Amino acid sequence: LMDSLAGKAHFVVQPCDGLAHAIERSVARPEPAPGAPADATETAALCE
């Protein structure tokens, strides 16, 4: 797919090891309260 689009844009491709699994685990925890700090969760730390 990327070869077929060569030269059409500048792509920055980033594998996110562990993020999908962290999102899976996050559903077992209560949703963060409004105003909670952005770095309060494992998923937020991986996203950053």
All heavy atoms as atom14 arrays in JSON, in Angstrom:
{
  "sequence": "LMDSLAGKAHFVVQPCDGLAHAIERSVARPEPAPGAPADATETAALCE",
  "atom14_mask": [
    [1, 1, 1, 1, 1, 1, 1, 1, 0, 0, 0, 0, 0, 0],
    [1, 1, 1, 1, 1, 1, 1, 1, 0, 0, 0, 0, 0, 0],
    [1, 1, 1, 1, 1, 1, 1, 1, 0, 0, 0, 0, 0, 0],
    [1, 1, 1, 1, 1, 1, 0, 0, 0, 0, 0, 0, 0, 0],
    [1, 1, 1, 1, 1, 1, 1, 1, 0, 0, 0, 0, 0, 0],
    [1, 1, 1, 1, 1, 0, 0, 0, 0, 0, 0, 0, 0, 0],
    [1, 1, 1, 1, 0, 0, 0, 0, 0, 0, 0, 0, 0, 0],
    [1, 1, 1, 1, 1, 1, 1, 1, 1, 0, 0, 0, 0, 0],
    [1, 1, 1, 1, 1, 0, 0, 0, 0, 0, 0, 0, 0, 0],
    [1, 1, 1, 1, 1, 1, 1, 1, 1, 1, 0, 0, 0, 0],
    [1, 1, 1, 1, 1, 1, 1, 1, 1, 1, 1, 0, 0, 0],
    [1, 1, 1, 1, 1, 1, 1, 0, 0, 0, 0, 0, 0, 0],
    [1, 1, 1, 1, 1, 1, 1, 0, 0, 0, 0, 0, 0, 0],
    [1, 1, 1, 1, 1, 1, 1, 1, 1, 0, 0, 0, 0, 0],
    [1, 1, 1, 1, 1, 1, 1, 0, 0, 0, 0, 0, 0, 0],
    [1, 1, 1, 1, 1, 1, 0, 0, 0, 0, 0, 0, 0, 0],
    [1, 1, 1, 1, 1, 1, 1, 1, 0, 0, 0, 0, 0, 0],
    [1, 1, 1, 1, 0, 0, 0, 0, 0, 0, 0, 0, 0, 0],
    [1, 1, 1, 1, 1, 1, 1, 1, 0, 0, 0, 0, 0, 0],
    [1, 1, 1, 1, 1, 0, 0, 0, 0, 0, 0, 0, 0, 0],
    [1, 1, 1, 1, 1, 1, 1, 1, 1, 1, 0, 0, 0, 0],
    [1, 1, 1, 1, 1, 0, 0, 0, 0, 0, 0, 0, 0, 0],
    [1, 1, 1, 1, 1, 1, 1, 1, 0, 0, 0, 0, 0, 0],
    [1, 1, 1, 1, 1, 1, 1, 1, 1, 0, 0, 0, 0, 0],
    [1, 1, 1, 1, 1, 1, 1, 1, 1, 1, 1, 0, 0, 0],
    [1, 1, 1, 1, 1, 1, 0, 0, 0, 0, 0, 0, 0, 0],
    [1, 1, 1, 1, 1, 1, 1, 0, 0, 0, 0, 0, 0, 0],
    [1, 1, 1, 1, 1, 0, 0, 0, 0, 0, 0, 0, 0, 0],
    [1, 1, 1, 1, 1, 1, 1, 1, 1, 1, 1, 0, 0, 0],
    [1, 1, 1, 1, 1, 1, 1, 0, 0, 0, 0, 0, 0, 0],
    [1, 1, 1, 1, 1, 1, 1, 1, 1, 0, 0, 0, 0, 0],
    [1, 1, 1, 1, 1, 1, 1, 0, 0, 0, 0, 0, 0, 0],
    [1, 1, 1, 1, 1, 0, 0, 0, 0, 0, 0, 0, 0, 0],
    [1, 1, 1, 1, 1, 1, 1, 0, 0, 0, 0, 0, 0, 0],
    [1, 1, 1, 1, 0, 0, 0, 0, 0, 0, 0, 0, 0, 0],
    [1, 1, 1, 1, 1, 0, 0, 0, 0, 0, 0, 0, 0, 0],
    [1, 1, 1, 1, 1, 1, 1, 0, 0, 0, 0, 0, 0, 0],
    [1, 1, 1, 1, 1, 0, 0, 0, 0, 0, 0, 0, 0, 0],
    [1, 1, 1, 1, 1, 1, 1, 1, 0, 0, 0, 0, 0, 0],
    [1, 1, 1, 1, 1, 0, 0, 0, 0, 0, 0, 0, 0, 0],
    [1, 1, 1, 1, 1, 1, 1, 0, 0, 0, 0, 0, 0, 0],
    [1, 1, 1, 1, 1, 1, 1, 1, 1, 0, 0, 0, 0, 0],
    [1, 1, 1, 1, 1, 1, 1, 0, 0, 0, 0, 0, 0, 0],
    [1, 1, 1, 1, 1, 0, 0, 0, 0, 0, 0, 0, 0, 0],
    [1, 1, 1, 1, 1, 0, 0, 0, 0, 0, 0, 0, 0, 0],
    [1, 1, 1, 1, 1, 1, 1, 1, 0, 0, 0, 0, 0, 0],
    [1, 1, 1, 1, 1, 1, 0, 0, 0, 0, 0, 0, 0, 0],
    [1, 1, 1, 1, 1, 1, 1, 1, 1, 0, 0, 0, 0, 0]
  ],
  "atom14_positions": [
    [[0.83, -1.2, 0.0], [0.0, 0.0, 0.0], [0.86, 1.25, 0.0], [0.64, 2.18, -0.79], [-0.92, -0.01, 1.23], [-1.74, 1.26, 1.47], [-2.71, 1.52, 0.32], [-2.5, 1.15, 2.8], [0.0, 0.0, 0.0], [0.0, 0.0, 0.0], [0.0, 0.0, 0.0], [0.0, 0.0, 0.0], [0.0, 0.0, 0.0], [0.0, 0.0, 0.0]],
    [[1.88, 1.27, 0.85], [2.75, 2.44, 0.94], [3.56, 2.61, -0.34], [3.78, 3.75, -0.8], [3.66, 2.32, 2.16], [2.93, 2.32, 3.49], [1.86, 3.77, 3.71], [3.09, 5.06, 3.81], [0.0, 0.0, 0.0], [0.0, 0.0, 0.0], [0.0, 0.0, 0.0], [0.0, 0.0, 0.0], [0.0, 0.0, 0.0], [0.0, 0.0, 0.0]],
    [[4.0, 1.52, -0.93], [4.75, 1.61, -2.19], [3.89, 2.24, -3.29], [4.39, 3.01, -4.12], [5.21, 0.23, -2.64], [6.35, -0.31, -1.79], [6.98, 0.48, -1.06], [6.6, -1.54, -1.85], [0.0, 0.0, 0.0], [0.0, 0.0, 0.0], [0.0, 0.0, 0.0], [0.0, 0.0, 0.0], [0.0, 0.0, 0.0], [0.0, 0.0, 0.0]],
    [[2.61, 1.93, -3.27], [1.71, 2.45, -4.3], [1.47, 3.95, -4.14], [1.0, 4.62, -5.09], [0.37, 1.72, -4.26], [-0.4, 2.1, -3.12], [0.0, 0.0, 0.0], [0.0, 0.0, 0.0], [0.0, 0.0, 0.0], [0.0, 0.0, 0.0], [0.0, 0.0, 0.0], [0.0, 0.0, 0.0], [0.0, 0.0, 0.0], [0.0, 0.0, 0.0]],
    [[1.8, 4.48, -2.97], [1.55, 5.91, -2.7], [2.85, 6.7, -2.61], [2.84, 7.86, -2.18], [0.77, 6.06, -1.38], [-0.58, 5.33, -1.33], [-1.2, 5.47, 0.05], [-1.54, 5.88, -2.39], [0.0, 0.0, 0.0], [0.0, 0.0, 0.0], [0.0, 0.0, 0.0], [0.0, 0.0, 0.0], [0.0, 0.0, 0.0], [0.0, 0.0, 0.0]],
    [[3.95, 6.07, -3.01], [5.26, 6.73, -2.92], [5.24, 8.06, -3.68], [4.77, 8.15, -4.81], [6.34, 5.82, -3.5], [0.0, 0.0, 0.0], [0.0, 0.0, 0.0], [0.0, 0.0, 0.0], [0.0, 0.0, 0.0], [0.0, 0.0, 0.0], [0.0, 0.0, 0.0], [0.0, 0.0, 0.0], [0.0, 0.0, 0.0], [0.0, 0.0, 0.0]],
    [[5.73, 9.1, -3.01], [5.82, 10.41, -3.63], [4.57, 11.26, -3.53], [4.59, 12.44, -3.9], [0.0, 0.0, 0.0], [0.0, 0.0, 0.0], [0.0, 0.0, 0.0], [0.0, 0.0, 0.0], [0.0, 0.0, 0.0], [0.0, 0.0, 0.0], [0.0, 0.0, 0.0], [0.0, 0.0, 0.0], [0.0, 0.0, 0.0], [0.0, 0.0, 0.0]],
    [[3.48, 10.7, -3.04], [2.23, 11.45, -2.97], [2.07, 12.25, -1.68], [1.24, 13.15, -1.59], [1.04, 10.5, -3.14], [1.01, 9.86, -4.53], [-0.24, 9.06, -4.75], [-0.26, 8.48, -6.18], [-1.48, 7.7, -6.45], [0.0, 0.0, 0.0], [0.0, 0.0, 0.0], [0.0, 0.0, 0.0], [0.0, 0.0, 0.0], [0.0, 0.0, 0.0]],
    [[2.87, 11.9, -0.67], [2.86, 12.62, 0.6], [4.08, 12.17, 1.4], [4.73, 11.18, 1.05], [1.57, 12.37, 1.39], [0.0, 0.0, 0.0], [0.0, 0.0, 0.0], [0.0, 0.0, 0.0], [0.0, 0.0, 0.0], [0.0, 0.0, 0.0], [0.0, 0.0, 0.0], [0.0, 0.0, 0.0], [0.0, 0.0, 0.0], [0.0, 0.0, 0.0]],
    [[4.36, 12.89, 2.47], [5.4, 12.46, 3.4], [4.7, 11.73, 4.54], [3.9, 12.32, 5.27], [6.17, 13.66, 3.94], [7.18, 13.29, 4.99], [8.36, 12.65, 4.68], [7.16, 13.45, 6.34], [9.04, 12.44, 5.8], [8.32, 12.92, 6.82], [0.0, 0.0, 0.0], [0.0, 0.0, 0.0], [0.0, 0.0, 0.0], [0.0, 0.0, 0.0]],
    [[5.0, 10.44, 4.69], [4.35, 9.63, 5.71], [5.29, 9.38, 6.88], [6.46, 9.04, 6.69], [3.92, 8.28, 5.13], [2.86, 8.38, 4.07], [3.18, 8.31, 2.73], [1.53, 8.56, 4.43], [2.21, 8.42, 1.75], [0.55, 8.66, 3.46], [0.88, 8.6, 2.12], [0.0, 0.0, 0.0], [0.0, 0.0, 0.0], [0.0, 0.0, 0.0]],
    [[4.76, 9.54, 8.08], [5.47, 9.18, 9.31], [4.73, 8.01, 9.93], [3.59, 8.17, 10.39], [5.54, 10.37, 10.29], [6.28, 9.95, 11.57], [6.21, 11.57, 9.64], [0.0, 0.0, 0.0], [0.0, 0.0, 0.0], [0.0, 0.0, 0.0], [0.0, 0.0, 0.0], [0.0, 0.0, 0.0], [0.0, 0.0, 0.0], [0.0, 0.0, 0.0]],
    [[5.35, 6.84, 9.9], [4.69, 5.6, 10.33], [5.24, 5.19, 11.69], [6.45, 5.04, 11.86], [4.91, 4.48, 9.29], [4.29, 3.18, 9.75], [4.35, 4.91, 7.94], [0.0, 0.0, 0.0], [0.0, 0.0, 0.0], [0.0, 0.0, 0.0], [0.0, 0.0, 0.0], [0.0, 0.0, 0.0], [0.0, 0.0, 0.0], [0.0, 0.0, 0.0]],
    [[4.34, 5.01, 12.67], [4.77, 4.74, 14.05], [4.06, 3.5, 14.63], [2.87, 3.53, 14.93], [4.45, 5.95, 14.93], [4.8, 5.76, 16.41], [6.28, 5.54, 16.63], [7.1, 6.33, 16.16], [6.65, 4.48, 17.33], [0.0, 0.0, 0.0], [0.0, 0.0, 0.0], [0.0, 0.0, 0.0], [0.0, 0.0, 0.0], [0.0, 0.0, 0.0]],
    [[4.8, 2.39, 14.78], [4.22, 1.25, 15.51], [4.02, 1.62, 16.98], [4.87, 2.28, 17.58], [5.28, 0.16, 15.37], [6.16, 0.61, 14.24], [6.15, 2.09, 14.28], [0.0, 0.0, 0.0], [0.0, 0.0, 0.0], [0.0, 0.0, 0.0], [0.0, 0.0, 0.0], [0.0, 0.0, 0.0], [0.0, 0.0, 0.0], [0.0, 0.0, 0.0]],
    [[2.89, 1.21, 17.53], [2.55, 1.56, 18.91], [2.47, 0.29, 19.74], [1.38, -0.17, 20.12], [1.24, 2.32, 18.95], [1.29, 3.9, 18.06], [0.0, 0.0, 0.0], [0.0, 0.0, 0.0], [0.0, 0.0, 0.0], [0.0, 0.0, 0.0], [0.0, 0.0, 0.0], [0.0, 0.0, 0.0], [0.0, 0.0, 0.0], [0.0, 0.0, 0.0]],
    [[3.62, -0.29, 20.04], [3.67, -1.53, 20.81], [2.97, -1.35, 22.16], [3.25, -0.41, 22.9], [5.13, -1.95, 21.04], [5.85, -2.28, 19.74], [5.17, -2.62, 18.76], [7.09, -2.19, 19.72], [0.0, 0.0, 0.0], [0.0, 0.0, 0.0], [0.0, 0.0, 0.0], [0.0, 0.0, 0.0], [0.0, 0.0, 0.0], [0.0, 0.0, 0.0]],
    [[2.06, -2.26, 22.45], [1.41, -2.27, 23.76], [0.18, -1.41, 23.89], [-0.58, -1.56, 24.87], [0.0, 0.0, 0.0], [0.0, 0.0, 0.0], [0.0, 0.0, 0.0], [0.0, 0.0, 0.0], [0.0, 0.0, 0.0], [0.0, 0.0, 0.0], [0.0, 0.0, 0.0], [0.0, 0.0, 0.0], [0.0, 0.0, 0.0], [0.0, 0.0, 0.0]],
    [[-0.07, -0.5, 22.94], [-1.19, 0.43, 23.12], [-2.55, -0.27, 23.03], [-3.43, -0.03, 23.86], [-1.1, 1.56, 22.1], [-2.21, 2.62, 22.18], [-2.3, 3.22, 23.58], [-1.99, 3.72, 21.13], [0.0, 0.0, 0.0], [0.0, 0.0, 0.0], [0.0, 0.0, 0.0], [0.0, 0.0, 0.0], [0.0, 0.0, 0.0], [0.0, 0.0, 0.0]],
    [[-2.73, -1.14, 22.04], [-4.01, -1.83, 21.91], [-4.3, -2.67, 23.16], [-5.43, -2.7, 23.66], [-4.02, -2.71, 20.66], [0.0, 0.0, 0.0], [0.0, 0.0, 0.0], [0.0, 0.0, 0.0], [0.0, 0.0, 0.0], [0.0, 0.0, 0.0], [0.0, 0.0, 0.0], [0.0, 0.0, 0.0], [0.0, 0.0, 0.0], [0.0, 0.0, 0.0]],
    [[-3.26, -3.34, 23.67], [-3.44, -4.18, 24.85], [-3.77, -3.31, 26.07], [-4.6, -3.68, 26.91], [-2.18, -4.99, 25.1], [-2.39, -6.21, 25.95], [-3.56, -6.95, 25.92], [-1.58, -6.83, 26.86], [-3.46, -7.96, 26.78], [-2.27, -7.9, 27.36], [0.0, 0.0, 0.0], [0.0, 0.0, 0.0], [0.0, 0.0, 0.0], [0.0, 0.0, 0.0]],
    [[-3.16, -2.13, 26.16], [-3.45, -1.23, 27.27], [-4.9, -0.73, 27.2], [-5.56, -0.59, 28.24], [-2.49, -0.05, 27.24], [0.0, 0.0, 0.0], [0.0, 0.0, 0.0], [0.0, 0.0, 0.0], [0.0, 0.0, 0.0], [0.0, 0.0, 0.0], [0.0, 0.0, 0.0], [0.0, 0.0, 0.0], [0.0, 0.0, 0.0], [0.0, 0.0, 0.0]],
    [[-5.39, -0.48, 26.0], [-6.79, -0.06, 25.84], [-7.72, -1.19, 26.28], [-8.74, -0.94, 26.94], [-7.05, 0.36, 24.39], [-6.24, 1.62, 24.05], [-8.54, 0.62, 24.17], [-6.2, 1.96, 22.58], [0.0, 0.0, 0.0], [0.0, 0.0, 0.0], [0.0, 0.0, 0.0], [0.0, 0.0, 0.0], [0.0, 0.0, 0.0], [0.0, 0.0, 0.0]],
    [[-7.36, -2.43, 25.94], [-8.15, -3.58, 26.41], [-8.23, -3.58, 27.94], [-9.3, -3.74, 28.52], [-7.5, -4.88, 25.94], [-7.5, -5.1, 24.45], [-8.7, -5.9, 23.98], [-9.19, -6.76, 24.74], [-9.16, -5.64, 22.86], [0.0, 0.0, 0.0], [0.0, 0.0, 0.0], [0.0, 0.0, 0.0], [0.0, 0.0, 0.0], [0.0, 0.0, 0.0]],
    [[-7.08, -3.42, 28.57], [-7.06, -3.46, 30.04], [-7.81, -2.3, 30.66], [-8.38, -2.41, 31.74], [-5.62, -3.48, 30.55], [-4.86, -4.77, 30.24], [-3.56, -4.85, 31.04], [-2.62, -3.81, 30.64], [-1.72, -3.93, 29.68], [-1.66, -5.05, 28.97], [-0.89, -2.94, 29.4], [0.0, 0.0, 0.0], [0.0, 0.0, 0.0], [0.0, 0.0, 0.0]],
    [[-7.83, -1.17, 29.96], [-8.41, 0.04, 30.54], [-9.91, -0.07, 30.77], [-10.46, 0.63, 31.61], [-8.12, 1.25, 29.65], [-8.91, 1.23, 28.47], [0.0, 0.0, 0.0], [0.0, 0.0, 0.0], [0.0, 0.0, 0.0], [0.0, 0.0, 0.0], [0.0, 0.0, 0.0], [0.0, 0.0, 0.0], [0.0, 0.0, 0.0], [0.0, 0.0, 0.0]],
    [[-10.58, -0.94, 30.01], [-12.04, -1.01, 30.15], [-12.45, -1.63, 31.48], [-13.59, -1.46, 31.91], [-12.69, -1.78, 28.98], [-12.39, -1.11, 27.67], [-12.26, -3.23, 28.96], [0.0, 0.0, 0.0], [0.0, 0.0, 0.0], [0.0, 0.0, 0.0], [0.0, 0.0, 0.0], [0.0, 0.0, 0.0], [0.0, 0.0, 0.0], [0.0, 0.0, 0.0]],
    [[-11.55, -2.32, 32.13], [-11.85, -2.92, 33.43], [-11.78, -1.9, 34.55], [-12.23, -2.16, 35.67], [-10.9, -4.08, 33.72], [0.0, 0.0, 0.0], [0.0, 0.0, 0.0], [0.0, 0.0, 0.0], [0.0, 0.0, 0.0], [0.0, 0.0, 0.0], [0.0, 0.0, 0.0], [0.0, 0.0, 0.0], [0.0, 0.0, 0.0], [0.0, 0.0, 0.0]],
    [[-11.2, -0.72, 34.24], [-11.1, 0.34, 35.25], [-12.2, 1.36, 35.04], [-12.67, 1.56, 33.92], [-9.73, 1.03, 35.16], [-8.56, 0.1, 35.42], [-7.27, 0.88, 35.57], [-6.87, 1.56, 34.34], [-6.09, 1.01, 33.4], [-5.64, -0.23, 33.57], [-5.78, 1.67, 32.31], [0.0, 0.0, 0.0], [0.0, 0.0, 0.0], [0.0, 0.0, 0.0]],
    [[-12.61, 2.04, 36.12], [-13.63, 3.1, 35.95], [-13.11, 4.19, 35.03], [-11.9, 4.44, 34.96], [-13.83, 3.62, 37.39], [-13.3, 2.54, 38.27], [-12.2, 1.87, 37.51], [0.0, 0.0, 0.0], [0.0, 0.0, 0.0], [0.0, 0.0, 0.0], [0.0, 0.0, 0.0], [0.0, 0.0, 0.0], [0.0, 0.0, 0.0], [0.0, 0.0, 0.0]],
    [[-14.04, 4.85, 34.32], [-13.64, 5.96, 33.49], [-13.06, 7.07, 34.36], [-13.56, 7.34, 35.45], [-14.83, 6.5, 32.7], [-15.35, 5.55, 31.63], [-16.35, 6.22, 30.71], [-15.91, 6.93, 29.79], [-17.54, 6.02, 30.92], [0.0, 0.0, 0.0], [0.0, 0.0, 0.0], [0.0, 0.0, 0.0], [0.0, 0.0, 0.0], [0.0, 0.0, 0.0]],
    [[-12.0, 7.74, 33.88], [-11.41, 8.8, 34.69], [-12.39, 9.94, 34.89], [-13.21, 10.25, 34.02], [-10.2, 9.25, 33.85], [-10.49, 8.77, 32.46], [-11.29, 7.52, 32.62], [0.0, 0.0, 0.0], [0.0, 0.0, 0.0], [0.0, 0.0, 0.0], [0.0, 0.0, 0.0], [0.0, 0.0, 0.0], [0.0, 0.0, 0.0], [0.0, 0.0, 0.0]],
    [[-12.31, 10.55, 36.05], [-13.19, 11.66, 36.37], [-12.87, 12.87, 35.5], [-11.72, 13.05, 35.08], [-13.05, 12.02, 37.84], [0.0, 0.0, 0.0], [0.0, 0.0, 0.0], [0.0, 0.0, 0.0], [0.0, 0.0, 0.0], [0.0, 0.0, 0.0], [0.0, 0.0, 0.0], [0.0, 0.0, 0.0], [0.0, 0.0, 0.0], [0.0, 0.0, 0.0]],
    [[-13.86, 13.7, 35.21], [-13.59, 14.91, 34.45], [-12.51, 15.76, 35.13], [-12.52, 15.93, 36.35], [-14.95, 15.64, 34.46], [-15.95, 14.55, 34.65], [-15.28, 13.54, 35.53], [0.0, 0.0, 0.0], [0.0, 0.0, 0.0], [0.0, 0.0, 0.0], [0.0, 0.0, 0.0], [0.0, 0.0, 0.0], [0.0, 0.0, 0.0], [0.0, 0.0, 0.0]],
    [[-11.57, 16.24, 34.33], [-10.5, 17.05, 34.9], [-9.32, 16.27, 35.4], [-8.35, 16.85, 35.91], [0.0, 0.0, 0.0], [0.0, 0.0, 0.0], [0.0, 0.0, 0.0], [0.0, 0.0, 0.0], [0.0, 0.0, 0.0], [0.0, 0.0, 0.0], [0.0, 0.0, 0.0], [0.0, 0.0, 0.0], [0.0, 0.0, 0.0], [0.0, 0.0, 0.0]],
    [[-9.35, 14.92, 35.26], [-8.22, 14.1, 35.69], [-7.0, 14.46, 34.85], [-7.12, 14.79, 33.67], [-8.53, 12.62, 35.55], [0.0, 0.0, 0.0], [0.0, 0.0, 0.0], [0.0, 0.0, 0.0], [0.0, 0.0, 0.0], [0.0, 0.0, 0.0], [0.0, 0.0, 0.0], [0.0, 0.0, 0.0], [0.0, 0.0, 0.0], [0.0, 0.0, 0.0]],
    [[-5.8, 14.42, 35.42], [-4.6, 14.78, 34.66], [-4.4, 13.86, 33.47], [-4.74, 12.68, 33.51], [-3.46, 14.62, 35.67], [-4.02, 13.77, 36.78], [-5.48, 14.07, 36.82], [0.0, 0.0, 0.0], [0.0, 0.0, 0.0], [0.0, 0.0, 0.0], [0.0, 0.0, 0.0], [0.0, 0.0, 0.0], [0.0, 0.0, 0.0], [0.0, 0.0, 0.0]],
    [[-3.85, 14.41, 32.39], [-3.72, 13.66, 31.14], [-2.84, 12.44, 31.27], [-2.97, 11.48, 30.53], [-3.19, 14.58, 30.04], [0.0, 0.0, 0.0], [0.0, 0.0, 0.0], [0.0, 0.0, 0.0], [0.0, 0.0, 0.0], [0.0, 0.0, 0.0], [0.0, 0.0, 0.0], [0.0, 0.0, 0.0], [0.0, 0.0, 0.0], [0.0, 0.0, 0.0]],
    [[-1.9, 12.46, 32.22], [-0.97, 11.34, 32.37], [-1.43, 10.35, 33.43], [-0.63, 9.59, 33.94], [0.43, 11.87, 32.69], [0.48, 12.66, 34.0], [-0.59, 12.91, 34.57], [1.58, 13.02, 34.44], [0.0, 0.0, 0.0], [0.0, 0.0, 0.0], [0.0, 0.0, 0.0], [0.0, 0.0, 0.0], [0.0, 0.0, 0.0], [0.0, 0.0, 0.0]],
    [[-2.73, 10.37, 33.75], [-3.21, 9.53, 34.84], [-3.39, 8.08, 34.44], [-3.6, 7.24, 35.29], [-4.54, 10.09, 35.37], [0.0, 0.0, 0.0], [0.0, 0.0, 0.0], [0.0, 0.0, 0.0], [0.0, 0.0, 0.0], [0.0, 0.0, 0.0], [0.0, 0.0, 0.0], [0.0, 0.0, 0.0], [0.0, 0.0, 0.0], [0.0, 0.0, 0.0]],
    [[-3.33, 7.77, 33.16], [-3.59, 6.41, 32.73], [-2.43, 5.86, 31.92], [-1.65, 6.6, 31.32], [-4.86, 6.33, 31.87], [-4.63, 7.02, 30.63], [-6.05, 6.96, 32.57], [0.0, 0.0, 0.0], [0.0, 0.0, 0.0], [0.0, 0.0, 0.0], [0.0, 0.0, 0.0], [0.0, 0.0, 0.0], [0.0, 0.0, 0.0], [0.0, 0.0, 0.0]],
    [[-2.37, 4.53, 31.88], [-1.36, 3.85, 31.07], [-1.53, 4.19, 29.59], [-0.55, 4.42, 28.87], [-1.5, 2.34, 31.28], [-0.55, 1.5, 30.44], [-0.87, 0.02, 30.52], [-1.97, -0.35, 30.98], [-0.01, -0.78, 30.11], [0.0, 0.0, 0.0], [0.0, 0.0, 0.0], [0.0, 0.0, 0.0], [0.0, 0.0, 0.0], [0.0, 0.0, 0.0]],
    [[-2.78, 4.23, 29.14], [-3.01, 4.52, 27.72], [-2.53, 5.92, 27.35], [-1.94, 6.13, 26.29], [-4.5, 4.37, 27.36], [-5.28, 5.18, 28.25], [-4.94, 2.93, 27.46], [0.0, 0.0, 0.0], [0.0, 0.0, 0.0], [0.0, 0.0, 0.0], [0.0, 0.0, 0.0], [0.0, 0.0, 0.0], [0.0, 0.0, 0.0], [0.0, 0.0, 0.0]],
    [[-2.79, 6.89, 28.22], [-2.35, 8.25, 27.93], [-0.83, 8.34, 27.86], [-0.28, 9.05, 27.02], [-2.89, 9.21, 29.0], [0.0, 0.0, 0.0], [0.0, 0.0, 0.0], [0.0, 0.0, 0.0], [0.0, 0.0, 0.0], [0.0, 0.0, 0.0], [0.0, 0.0, 0.0], [0.0, 0.0, 0.0], [0.0, 0.0, 0.0], [0.0, 0.0, 0.0]],
    [[-0.15, 7.61, 28.75], [1.31, 7.64, 28.74], [1.87, 7.03, 27.46], [2.84, 7.56, 26.87], [1.84, 6.88, 29.96], [0.0, 0.0, 0.0], [0.0, 0.0, 0.0], [0.0, 0.0, 0.0], [0.0, 0.0, 0.0], [0.0, 0.0, 0.0], [0.0, 0.0, 0.0], [0.0, 0.0, 0.0], [0.0, 0.0, 0.0], [0.0, 0.0, 0.0]],
    [[1.26, 5.94, 26.99], [1.72, 5.33, 25.74], [1.42, 6.23, 24.55], [2.24, 6.37, 23.64], [1.05, 3.97, 25.55], [1.56, 2.85, 26.47], [0.66, 1.62, 26.36], [3.0, 2.47, 26.13], [0.0, 0.0, 0.0], [0.0, 0.0, 0.0], [0.0, 0.0, 0.0], [0.0, 0.0, 0.0], [0.0, 0.0, 0.0], [0.0, 0.0, 0.0]],
    [[0.23, 6.83, 24.53], [-0.09, 7.77, 23.46], [0.94, 8.88, 23.39], [1.42, 9.24, 22.3], [-1.48, 8.36, 23.67], [-2.86, 7.24, 23.36], [0.0, 0.0, 0.0], [0.0, 0.0, 0.0], [0.0, 0.0, 0.0], [0.0, 0.0, 0.0], [0.0, 0.0, 0.0], [0.0, 0.0, 0.0], [0.0, 0.0, 0.0], [0.0, 0.0, 0.0]],
    [[1.29, 9.42, 24.53], [2.25, 10.52, 24.55], [3.62, 10.06, 24.02], [4.26, 10.76, 23.23], [2.4, 11.08, 25.96], [3.38, 12.25, 26.02], [3.39, 12.96, 27.34], [2.88, 12.4, 28.33], [3.92, 14.08, 27.4], [0.0, 0.0, 0.0], [0.0, 0.0, 0.0], [0.0, 0.0, 0.0], [0.0, 0.0, 0.0], [0.0, 0.0, 0.0]]
  ]
}
